Protein backbone atom coordinates (compact mmCIF):
# COMPACT_ATOMS: atom_id res chain seq x y z
CA MET A 1 114.92 179.55 209.85
CA ALA A 2 113.59 180.61 206.45
CA SER A 3 109.97 181.68 206.27
CA ILE A 4 107.47 180.10 203.90
CA PRO A 5 107.05 182.22 200.74
CA VAL A 6 103.83 184.19 200.42
CA ASP A 7 102.93 182.69 197.06
CA TYR A 8 103.29 179.11 198.35
CA LYS A 9 99.51 178.53 198.53
CA SER A 10 98.89 179.85 195.02
CA ASN A 11 101.71 177.70 193.62
CA TYR A 12 100.29 174.69 195.46
CA GLU A 13 96.79 175.35 194.11
CA ASN A 14 98.17 175.71 190.55
CA LYS A 15 100.08 172.42 190.79
CA LYS A 16 97.05 170.69 192.29
CA LYS A 17 94.86 171.99 189.45
CA GLN A 18 97.40 170.77 186.85
CA ALA A 19 97.57 167.36 188.51
CA GLN A 20 93.76 167.10 188.50
CA GLN A 21 93.67 168.03 184.80
CA LEU A 22 96.28 165.37 183.99
CA SER A 23 94.33 162.84 186.04
CA ASP A 24 91.10 163.64 184.18
CA MET A 25 92.89 163.48 180.82
CA ALA A 26 94.41 160.09 181.68
CA ALA A 27 91.02 158.75 182.78
CA ASP A 28 89.44 159.93 179.51
CA LYS A 29 92.18 158.35 177.42
CA ALA A 30 91.92 155.11 179.38
CA LYS A 31 88.26 154.84 178.38
CA THR A 32 89.20 154.81 174.70
CA VAL A 33 91.78 152.02 174.95
CA PHE A 34 90.68 148.88 173.11
CA PHE A 35 90.63 145.70 175.13
CA GLU A 36 89.75 142.29 173.76
CA PRO A 37 86.79 140.70 175.49
CA ILE A 38 87.59 137.88 177.88
CA THR A 39 86.56 134.56 176.40
CA SER A 40 84.30 132.50 178.60
CA HIS A 41 85.71 129.29 180.03
CA ASP A 42 83.23 127.15 178.09
CA LYS A 43 84.40 128.48 174.71
CA VAL A 44 88.13 127.86 175.28
CA LYS A 45 89.26 124.85 173.24
CA MET A 46 91.46 122.17 174.71
CA PRO A 47 94.96 122.39 173.20
CA ASP A 48 95.92 119.70 170.73
CA ALA A 49 98.33 117.19 172.27
CA LYS A 50 100.44 116.97 169.11
CA ASN A 51 101.40 120.63 169.49
CA PHE A 52 103.24 120.08 172.76
CA VAL A 53 107.02 119.82 172.75
CA LYS A 54 108.60 116.80 174.38
CA LEU A 55 111.40 117.59 176.79
CA ASP A 56 114.93 116.63 175.92
CA PRO A 57 115.81 113.71 178.24
CA THR A 58 119.31 115.07 178.89
CA GLY A 59 117.90 117.56 181.42
CA ASN A 60 115.92 115.00 183.41
CA GLU A 61 118.77 114.23 185.79
CA GLU A 62 119.09 117.85 186.87
CA LEU A 63 115.32 118.27 187.22
CA LEU A 64 114.91 115.08 189.25
CA LYS A 65 117.80 115.80 191.59
CA ILE A 66 116.58 116.38 195.16
CA PRO A 67 117.67 119.85 196.26
CA SER A 68 119.94 120.16 199.28
CA TYR A 69 117.58 122.61 200.97
CA ASN A 70 114.87 119.92 201.18
CA ASP A 71 116.29 118.65 204.46
CA THR A 72 116.77 122.14 205.84
CA PHE A 73 113.28 123.40 204.97
CA ARG A 74 111.33 120.15 205.26
CA TYR A 75 109.14 121.62 208.02
CA ILE A 76 108.43 124.80 206.05
CA ILE A 77 107.49 123.28 202.67
CA PRO A 78 103.79 122.29 202.78
CA PRO A 79 102.82 118.71 201.90
CA GLN A 80 100.81 119.98 198.92
CA VAL A 81 103.99 121.40 197.38
CA ARG A 82 105.79 118.11 197.97
CA ASN A 83 102.92 116.31 196.20
CA MET A 84 103.17 118.71 193.26
CA GLN A 85 106.92 118.07 193.07
CA ALA A 86 106.29 114.32 192.97
CA GLU A 87 103.66 114.76 190.25
CA PHE A 88 106.07 116.92 188.27
CA ARG A 89 108.76 114.25 188.50
CA THR A 90 106.38 111.60 187.15
CA ILE A 91 105.42 113.88 184.27
CA ILE A 92 109.07 114.45 183.42
CA GLN A 93 109.89 110.76 183.51
CA ASN A 94 107.13 109.93 181.01
């Protein structure tokens, strides 16, 4: 079995010191990154309805098709998800 080199601890300490320096440098650089302030909920404007795109009705049939796994996983899928699926279908049909 090979023995551990004598300079192992000094190499380890040097690598640890380099890693700490890189960590400190990254933390300093992260402080200078510009982030936009988060807009408060009250100041967010409601989107204009005329800017929304209407879906092409040719895809409705595929979107409204009941998946085959519904019967298999009917006990796993929560009722809230089923309600959301029904709401989504009504939105698509309009």
